[in-house]
Amino acid sequence: MSRLGDLGARLYRGEVGVDFVRRRKIWYCVSILITILAFAGLAVRGLHMGVEFEGGAVFTTPATEVSVEEAREVAEEVSGSQALVQTLGDDGEMRIQVSGLDTDQSNATREALAEELGIATEDLNAEVIGPSWGDQIADKAWRGLVIFLVLVVIYLAIAFEWRMALAALIALVHDITITVGVYAVVGFEVTPGTVIGLLTILGYSLYDTVVVFDGLKEQTREFTRQTRHTYSELANRSLNGTLVRSINTSVVALLPVGALLFIGGGLLGGGMLNDIALSLFVGLTAGAYSSIMIATPLVADLKSREPAIKAQDRKVLAKRAKRDDEDESAAPEDGPLEDDGPYDEEPLGQGSGTPVAAVRGAVGPRAPRRQPPSRGRGRGRPSGKRR
């Protein structure tokens, strides 16, 4: 078995572990700080919405020797609006997005852009997207997100309980907030691919959370019949039992997404696939954090407020304290052992004059027990010898 596999087995058996639940206030503070930064980014910079949401024109150029920076400057000068230029492969094709253009403005921009880039007007493909279509896309995206969250809450409330459903919902909102905040702070463009990626990461984040909740449900099924662990300790044990699996799942999911984002985006250029990979990479990282640091500690907090759970935790702690006191009273006091003198070879109770307790007290590392020789062996025989 590999070291990672051995560590996972030891975590599952409870032999080792990280006390995530006890340190939950640290994780809460980190999440609150990240959330504040995300909202600050949204308030200050806002989201850079793509032409699919704001409306505009998308121009696709044939192979050209014009650089991306030169094409961006030409597009912004001709249209008077901010332009986004992305390369499409290694042959020099480019995709130029200009927001806020109607059909007439798009035609004029197409002619001027073709002239500046030195290509024929008919070779410059143009696609006009109206703002109403973008509004429909945004409305459907919000509607799909709300329906997904409602279904998740209903399912978790039925399969587990409402406290776990609430914790999972908070973790999902946490992941969405962080992802959107990163887009706002860094200035990534929001496209329909971004929306697809956001809806996809919710499933990945929910997967790890449900796995941990299922283990917690099994371990706390007969919680009131045991007096060894509190609810928070069992929650932490369930979390450690699935820790290695959660990390492996997240890493395995991030590797192909990272390849699409960094290798595919760098070699093949931007596009819908790159937008999906970008939102997936940010969301998967946030989802792995929230499923471990937020969801389960939050469930432990909510459950520990129940009167029955609170009473059982007090009973466990009281019995544990009683066992500790009994162990301390039964343990020998530290200090040098007294020397009871040499061991008397007389059998106990046969006139040796040595009390039984004194002889037994001498038994130990300093006075190893020896079997006294029997003085009655060989008596009554003619020769006095053993047979």
Protein backbone atom coordinates (compact mmCIF):
# COMPACT_ATOMS: atom_id res chain seq x y z
CA MET A 1 0.00 0.00 0.00
CA SER A 2 1.28 3.47 -0.86
CA ARG A 3 1.92 6.07 1.78
CA LEU A 4 -1.13 8.04 0.72
CA GLY A 5 -3.28 4.92 0.86
CA ASP A 6 -1.91 4.03 4.29
CA LEU A 7 -2.62 7.57 5.47
CA GLY A 8 -6.17 7.32 4.17
CA ALA A 9 -6.72 4.02 6.00
CA ARG A 10 -5.38 5.48 9.25
CA LEU A 11 -7.57 8.55 8.84
CA TYR A 12 -10.59 6.34 8.24
CA ARG A 13 -9.89 4.25 11.37
CA GLY A 14 -9.40 7.37 13.46
CA GLU A 15 -5.77 6.61 14.30
CA VAL A 16 -4.64 10.03 13.03
CA GLY A 17 -6.57 13.10 12.04
CA VAL A 18 -6.75 16.85 11.65
CA ASP A 19 -9.18 18.61 13.97
CA PHE A 20 -11.03 20.66 11.37
CA VAL A 21 -14.14 21.09 13.50
CA ARG A 22 -12.31 22.51 16.52
CA ARG A 23 -10.59 25.07 14.26
CA ARG A 24 -13.83 26.01 12.51
CA LYS A 25 -13.64 29.66 13.61
CA ILE A 26 -10.41 30.02 11.63
CA TRP A 27 -12.06 28.65 8.49
CA TYR A 28 -15.10 30.86 9.02
CA CYS A 29 -12.91 33.95 9.29
CA VAL A 30 -11.00 33.01 6.13
CA SER A 31 -14.23 32.48 4.20
CA ILE A 32 -15.73 35.74 5.46
CA LEU A 33 -12.58 37.60 4.40
CA ILE A 34 -12.63 36.06 0.92
CA THR A 35 -16.35 36.83 0.59
CA ILE A 36 -15.78 40.47 1.56
CA LEU A 37 -13.03 40.74 -1.06
CA ALA A 38 -15.35 39.19 -3.64
CA PHE A 39 -18.14 41.68 -2.93
CA ALA A 40 -15.62 44.53 -2.93
CA GLY A 41 -14.42 43.43 -6.36
CA LEU A 42 -17.99 43.30 -7.62
CA ALA A 43 -18.73 46.77 -6.23
CA VAL A 44 -15.55 48.42 -7.51
CA ARG A 45 -14.82 46.67 -10.82
CA GLY A 46 -18.05 44.88 -11.63
CA LEU A 47 -18.38 41.98 -14.04
CA HIS A 48 -17.07 42.21 -17.59
CA MET A 49 -20.06 40.82 -19.44
CA GLY A 50 -19.55 39.36 -22.89
CA VAL A 51 -21.39 40.35 -26.02
CA GLU A 52 -23.79 37.45 -25.49
CA PHE A 53 -25.24 39.36 -22.50
CA GLU A 54 -24.74 43.02 -23.46
CA GLY A 55 -25.19 42.71 -27.20
CA GLY A 56 -22.65 43.64 -29.86
CA ALA A 57 -20.76 42.20 -32.79
CA VAL A 58 -18.27 39.36 -33.15
CA PHE A 59 -15.79 39.51 -36.06
CA THR A 60 -13.73 36.52 -37.17
CA THR A 61 -10.68 37.32 -39.26
CA PRO A 62 -8.81 34.98 -41.62
CA ALA A 63 -5.11 34.29 -41.22
CA THR A 64 -3.28 37.58 -40.83
CA GLU A 65 0.08 38.85 -39.67
CA VAL A 66 -1.45 41.55 -37.49
CA SER A 67 -0.76 41.06 -33.79
CA VAL A 68 -3.45 40.87 -31.12
CA GLU A 69 -2.53 44.25 -29.67
CA GLU A 70 -2.64 45.94 -33.09
CA ALA A 71 -6.01 44.35 -33.86
CA ARG A 72 -7.40 45.51 -30.49
CA GLU A 73 -6.23 49.09 -31.06
CA VAL A 74 -7.73 49.14 -34.56
CA ALA A 75 -11.07 47.70 -33.37
CA GLU A 76 -11.40 50.17 -30.49
CA GLU A 77 -10.42 53.12 -32.71
CA VAL A 78 -12.90 52.16 -35.42
CA SER A 79 -15.85 51.23 -33.18
CA GLY A 80 -15.25 53.62 -30.30
CA SER A 81 -15.98 50.81 -27.81
CA GLN A 82 -13.89 48.40 -25.82
CA ALA A 83 -12.85 45.35 -27.82
CA LEU A 84 -11.74 41.86 -26.80
CA VAL A 85 -9.40 40.03 -29.19
CA GLN A 86 -8.57 36.33 -28.95
CA THR A 87 -6.42 34.16 -31.20
CA LEU A 88 -7.89 31.04 -32.79
CA GLY A 89 -5.04 28.58 -33.17
CA ASP A 90 -1.56 29.16 -34.60
CA ASP A 91 -2.48 30.20 -38.15
CA GLY A 92 -3.20 33.83 -37.25
CA GLU A 93 -7.01 33.78 -37.14
CA MET A 94 -8.57 36.09 -34.55
CA ARG A 95 -11.92 36.61 -32.89
CA ILE A 96 -12.77 40.28 -32.19
CA GLN A 97 -15.66 41.11 -29.87
CA VAL A 98 -17.04 44.64 -29.67
CA SER A 99 -19.90 45.33 -27.25
CA GLY A 100 -22.79 47.75 -27.76
CA LEU A 101 -22.99 47.72 -31.57
CA ASP A 102 -26.20 47.50 -33.54
CA THR A 103 -26.52 46.26 -37.12
CA ASP A 104 -25.61 49.55 -38.84
CA GLN A 105 -22.66 50.17 -36.53
CA SER A 106 -21.53 46.58 -37.05
CA ASN A 107 -21.50 46.97 -40.85
CA ALA A 108 -19.54 50.22 -40.67
CA THR A 109 -17.09 48.73 -38.20
CA ARG A 110 -16.64 45.67 -40.41
CA GLU A 111 -15.68 47.73 -43.46
CA ALA A 112 -13.29 49.97 -41.56
CA LEU A 113 -11.74 47.04 -39.72
CA ALA A 114 -11.16 45.10 -42.96
CA GLU A 115 -9.51 48.11 -44.49
CA GLU A 116 -7.22 48.71 -41.51
CA LEU A 117 -6.24 45.02 -41.28
CA GLY A 118 -5.61 44.75 -44.99
CA ILE A 119 -8.12 42.02 -45.75
CA ALA A 120 -11.17 41.81 -47.97
CA THR A 121 -14.49 42.81 -46.41
CA GLU A 122 -16.21 39.58 -47.47
CA ASP A 123 -13.45 37.56 -45.75
CA LEU A 124 -14.22 39.21 -42.41
CA ASN A 125 -17.14 37.31 -40.89
CA ALA A 126 -19.48 39.34 -38.68
CA GLU A 127 -22.15 38.18 -36.25
CA VAL A 128 -24.47 40.66 -34.55
CA ILE A 129 -26.02 39.78 -31.17
CA GLY A 130 -28.88 41.89 -29.91
CA PRO A 131 -29.17 42.88 -26.23
CA SER A 132 -32.57 41.20 -25.94
CA TRP A 133 -31.00 37.83 -26.68
CA GLY A 134 -28.44 38.47 -23.95
CA ASP A 135 -31.23 39.31 -21.50
CA GLN A 136 -32.90 36.01 -22.31
CA ILE A 137 -29.64 34.12 -21.70
CA ALA A 138 -29.09 35.87 -18.36
CA ASP A 139 -32.68 35.21 -17.29
CA LYS A 140 -32.41 31.52 -18.12
CA ALA A 141 -29.10 31.27 -16.29
CA TRP A 142 -30.53 32.77 -13.10
CA ARG A 143 -33.61 30.59 -13.38
CA GLY A 144 -31.51 27.44 -13.79
CA LEU A 145 -29.35 28.38 -10.80
CA VAL A 146 -32.36 28.98 -8.52
CA ILE A 147 -34.05 25.73 -9.59
CA PHE A 148 -30.84 23.80 -8.99
CA LEU A 149 -30.41 25.21 -5.47
CA VAL A 150 -34.04 24.51 -4.57
CA LEU A 151 -33.79 20.91 -5.76
CA VAL A 152 -30.54 20.43 -3.84
CA VAL A 153 -32.08 21.70 -0.60
CA ILE A 154 -35.16 19.48 -1.01
CA TYR A 155 -33.07 16.39 -1.75
CA LEU A 156 -30.68 16.91 1.17
CA ALA A 157 -33.54 17.65 3.56
CA ILE A 158 -35.19 14.36 2.59
CA ALA A 159 -32.04 12.23 2.42
CA PHE A 160 -30.42 13.70 5.55
CA GLU A 161 -32.00 16.59 7.48
CA TRP A 162 -32.63 20.30 7.12
CA ARG A 163 -29.45 21.30 9.00
CA MET A 164 -27.27 19.43 6.50
CA ALA A 165 -29.29 20.91 3.65
CA LEU A 166 -28.73 24.41 5.05
CA ALA A 167 -24.98 23.79 5.47
CA ALA A 168 -24.69 22.47 1.91
CA LEU A 169 -26.61 25.47 0.56
CA ILE A 170 -24.30 27.90 2.38
CA ALA A 171 -21.27 26.05 0.98
CA LEU A 172 -22.67 26.27 -2.57
CA VAL A 173 -23.40 29.98 -2.27
CA HIS A 174 -19.88 30.37 -0.86
CA ASP A 175 -18.41 28.70 -3.97
CA ILE A 176 -20.46 30.81 -6.38
CA THR A 177 -19.53 34.03 -4.56
CA ILE A 178 -15.81 33.25 -4.63
CA THR A 179 -15.89 32.31 -8.32
CA VAL A 180 -17.83 35.43 -9.33
CA GLY A 181 -15.55 37.56 -7.15
CA VAL A 182 -12.45 36.18 -8.86
CA TYR A 183 -13.98 37.03 -12.24
CA ALA A 184 -14.64 40.59 -11.05
CA VAL A 185 -11.22 41.17 -9.48
CA VAL A 186 -9.19 39.68 -12.35
CA GLY A 187 -11.44 41.06 -15.10
CA PHE A 188 -12.37 37.80 -16.83
CA GLU A 189 -15.18 38.05 -19.35
CA VAL A 190 -18.47 36.42 -18.43
CA THR A 191 -19.85 34.34 -21.29
CA PRO A 192 -22.43 31.54 -21.60
CA GLY A 193 -19.49 29.16 -21.12
CA THR A 194 -18.90 30.78 -17.73
CA VAL A 195 -22.51 30.08 -16.76
CA ILE A 196 -22.16 26.46 -17.85
CA GLY A 197 -19.01 26.15 -15.77
CA LEU A 198 -20.71 27.67 -12.72
CA LEU A 199 -23.58 25.20 -12.89
CA THR A 200 -21.10 22.35 -13.33
CA ILE A 201 -18.94 23.18 -10.31
CA LEU A 202 -21.98 23.08 -8.06
CA GLY A 203 -22.30 19.38 -8.76
CA TYR A 204 -18.62 18.75 -7.98
CA SER A 205 -18.82 20.72 -4.74
CA LEU A 206 -22.01 18.97 -3.71
CA TYR A 207 -20.50 15.52 -4.36
CA ASP A 208 -17.80 15.83 -1.68
CA THR A 209 -20.27 17.36 0.77
CA VAL A 210 -22.79 14.53 0.34
CA VAL A 211 -20.07 11.90 0.81
CA VAL A 212 -19.03 13.42 4.14
CA PHE A 213 -22.64 13.85 5.25
CA ASP A 214 -23.39 10.22 4.47
CA GLY A 215 -20.49 9.05 6.65
CA LEU A 216 -21.58 11.41 9.43
CA LYS A 217 -25.12 10.07 9.27
CA GLU A 218 -23.88 6.48 9.66
CA GLN A 219 -21.59 7.30 12.60
CA THR A 220 -24.23 9.28 14.49
CA ARG A 221 -27.11 6.88 13.91
CA GLU A 222 -26.93 5.66 17.54
CA PHE A 223 -25.27 8.74 18.98
CA THR A 224 -27.25 8.77 22.25
CA ARG A 225 -26.34 5.14 23.02
CA GLN A 226 -22.61 5.76 23.27
CA THR A 227 -20.60 7.82 25.74
CA ARG A 228 -17.18 7.97 24.08
CA HIS A 229 -17.43 10.78 21.52
CA THR A 230 -19.23 14.08 21.24
CA TYR A 231 -21.09 15.02 18.08
CA SER A 232 -18.33 17.36 16.96
CA GLU A 233 -15.74 14.61 17.41
CA LEU A 234 -17.78 12.19 15.30
CA ALA A 235 -18.24 14.88 12.65
CA ASN A 236 -14.50 15.48 12.56
CA ARG A 237 -13.87 11.73 12.36
CA SER A 238 -16.23 11.42 9.38
CA LEU A 239 -14.48 14.32 7.69
CA ASN A 240 -11.04 12.78 8.21
CA GLY A 241 -12.32 9.44 6.95
CA THR A 242 -13.13 10.94 3.55
CA LEU A 243 -10.34 13.53 3.49
CA VAL A 244 -7.95 11.66 1.20
CA ARG A 245 -10.76 10.68 -1.16
CA SER A 246 -11.94 14.30 -1.36
CA ILE A 247 -8.42 15.51 -2.10
CA ASN A 248 -7.86 12.81 -4.73
CA THR A 249 -11.19 13.58 -6.40
CA SER A 250 -10.45 17.31 -6.53
CA VAL A 251 -6.92 16.83 -7.86
CA VAL A 252 -8.06 14.36 -10.53
CA ALA A 253 -10.78 16.81 -11.61
CA LEU A 254 -8.42 19.80 -11.63
CA LEU A 255 -5.74 18.14 -13.77
CA PRO A 256 -7.74 17.92 -17.04
CA VAL A 257 -9.39 21.29 -16.37
CA GLY A 258 -5.98 22.85 -15.84
CA ALA A 259 -4.75 21.25 -19.04
CA LEU A 260 -7.70 22.76 -20.94
CA LEU A 261 -7.17 26.15 -19.34
CA PHE A 262 -3.40 26.59 -19.52
CA ILE A 263 -2.30 24.30 -22.35
CA GLY A 264 -5.38 24.39 -24.56
CA GLY A 265 -5.97 28.09 -23.99
CA GLY A 266 -2.34 28.96 -24.66
CA LEU A 267 -1.92 26.82 -27.76
CA LEU A 268 -5.39 26.86 -29.27
CA GLY A 269 -6.50 30.30 -28.19
CA GLY A 270 -9.63 31.42 -26.33
CA GLY A 271 -13.16 30.36 -26.93
CA MET A 272 -16.14 28.71 -25.29
CA LEU A 273 -14.05 25.78 -24.05
CA ASN A 274 -11.55 28.11 -22.42
CA ASP A 275 -14.34 30.01 -20.66
CA ILE A 276 -15.80 26.79 -19.26
CA ALA A 277 -12.37 25.58 -18.10
CA LEU A 278 -11.65 28.89 -16.38
CA SER A 279 -14.84 28.85 -14.29
CA LEU A 280 -14.37 25.15 -13.55
CA PHE A 281 -10.82 25.65 -12.29
CA VAL A 282 -11.76 28.47 -9.93
CA GLY A 283 -14.96 26.78 -8.78
CA LEU A 284 -13.43 23.35 -8.18
CA THR A 285 -10.75 24.87 -5.97
CA ALA A 286 -13.34 26.78 -3.96
CA GLY A 287 -15.59 23.71 -3.79
CA ALA A 288 -12.83 21.49 -2.38
CA TYR A 289 -12.18 24.09 0.32
CA SER A 290 -15.83 24.58 1.26
CA SER A 291 -16.70 20.87 1.43
CA ILE A 292 -13.89 20.29 3.94
CA MET A 293 -13.67 23.55 5.88
CA ILE A 294 -17.21 24.91 5.80
CA ALA A 295 -20.00 22.34 5.32
CA THR A 296 -19.19 19.74 8.00
CA PRO A 297 -18.04 22.19 10.73
CA LEU A 298 -21.23 24.16 10.10
CA VAL A 299 -23.35 21.02 10.57
CA ALA A 300 -21.52 20.30 13.84
CA ASP A 301 -22.29 23.86 14.99
CA LEU A 302 -25.98 23.58 14.14
CA LYS A 303 -26.41 20.12 15.66
CA SER A 304 -24.58 21.04 18.86
CA ARG A 305 -27.31 23.59 19.58
CA GLU A 306 -30.00 20.92 19.83
CA PRO A 307 -31.03 20.15 23.45
CA ALA A 308 -30.69 16.38 23.01
CA ILE A 309 -27.25 16.64 21.38
CA LYS A 310 -26.13 19.20 23.94
CA ALA A 311 -27.21 16.95 26.84
CA GLN A 312 -25.47 13.93 25.31
CA ASP A 313 -22.25 15.93 24.80
CA ARG A 314 -22.32 16.95 28.47
CA LYS A 315 -22.79 13.33 29.46
CA VAL A 316 -19.84 12.24 27.32
CA LEU A 317 -17.58 14.95 28.73
CA ALA A 318 -18.63 14.19 32.33
CA LYS A 319 -17.94 10.47 31.93
CA ARG A 320 -14.62 11.19 30.25
CA ALA A 321 -13.60 13.44 33.13
CA LYS A 322 -14.59 10.73 35.61
CA ARG A 323 -12.49 8.14 33.78
CA ASP A 324 -9.53 10.50 33.77
CA ASP A 325 -9.85 11.05 37.52
CA GLU A 326 -10.01 7.30 38.14
CA ASP A 327 -6.93 6.73 35.99
CA GLU A 328 -5.01 9.40 37.87
CA SER A 329 -5.95 7.96 41.27
CA ALA A 330 -5.05 4.42 40.21
CA ALA A 331 -1.69 5.40 38.72
CA PRO A 332 1.38 4.97 41.05
CA GLU A 333 3.02 8.12 42.27
CA ASP A 334 6.26 9.02 40.61
CA GLY A 335 9.42 8.65 42.67
CA PRO A 336 12.14 6.12 43.57
CA LEU A 337 11.04 2.64 44.57
CA GLU A 338 11.76 1.55 48.11
CA ASP A 339 14.20 -1.33 48.57
CA ASP A 340 12.57 -4.11 50.60
CA GLY A 341 15.81 -6.03 50.98
CA PRO A 342 16.85 -9.34 49.55
CA TYR A 343 14.30 -11.90 48.64
CA ASP A 344 13.88 -14.56 51.36
CA GLU A 345 14.09 -18.01 49.89
CA GLU A 346 11.79 -19.40 52.59
CA PRO A 347 8.40 -20.37 51.22
CA LEU A 348 5.66 -17.94 52.14
CA GLY A 349 3.87 -18.92 55.35
CA GLN A 350 6.51 -21.46 56.42
CA GLY A 351 8.32 -19.54 59.12
CA SER A 352 10.22 -17.17 56.93
CA GLY A 353 8.97 -14.24 58.98
CA THR A 354 8.55 -12.17 55.84
CA PRO A 355 5.07 -10.82 55.28
CA VAL A 356 3.41 -11.78 52.05
CA ALA A 357 2.80 -8.12 51.14
CA ALA A 358 6.49 -7.30 51.58
CA VAL A 359 7.52 -10.13 49.31
CA ARG A 360 4.97 -9.16 46.70
CA GLY A 361 6.07 -5.57 46.92
CA ALA A 362 9.57 -6.59 46.01
CA VAL A 363 8.45 -8.29 42.85
CA GLY A 364 9.22 -6.13 39.84
CA PRO A 365 12.16 -4.99 37.75
CA ARG A 366 14.30 -4.44 40.87
CA ALA A 367 13.50 -7.79 42.49
CA PRO A 368 12.64 -10.46 39.95
CA ARG A 369 10.49 -13.29 41.21
CA ARG A 370 12.39 -16.53 41.85
CA GLN A 371 10.88 -19.85 42.70
CA PRO A 372 12.28 -20.92 46.16
CA PRO A 373 13.82 -24.37 46.16
CA SER A 374 11.67 -26.95 47.87
CA ARG A 375 13.28 -28.32 51.04
CA GLY A 376 10.94 -31.27 51.23
CA ARG A 377 12.01 -32.87 48.03
CA GLY A 378 13.84 -36.19 48.52
CA ARG A 379 12.72 -36.72 52.14
CA GLY A 380 11.50 -40.22 53.10
CA ARG A 381 13.65 -41.92 50.51
CA PRO A 382 16.41 -44.42 51.52
CA SER A 383 19.17 -42.61 49.71
CA GLY A 384 17.72 -39.12 49.98
CA LYS A 385 18.32 -38.76 46.27
CA ARG A 386 15.86 -37.87 43.59
CA ARG A 387 14.56 -40.55 41.37
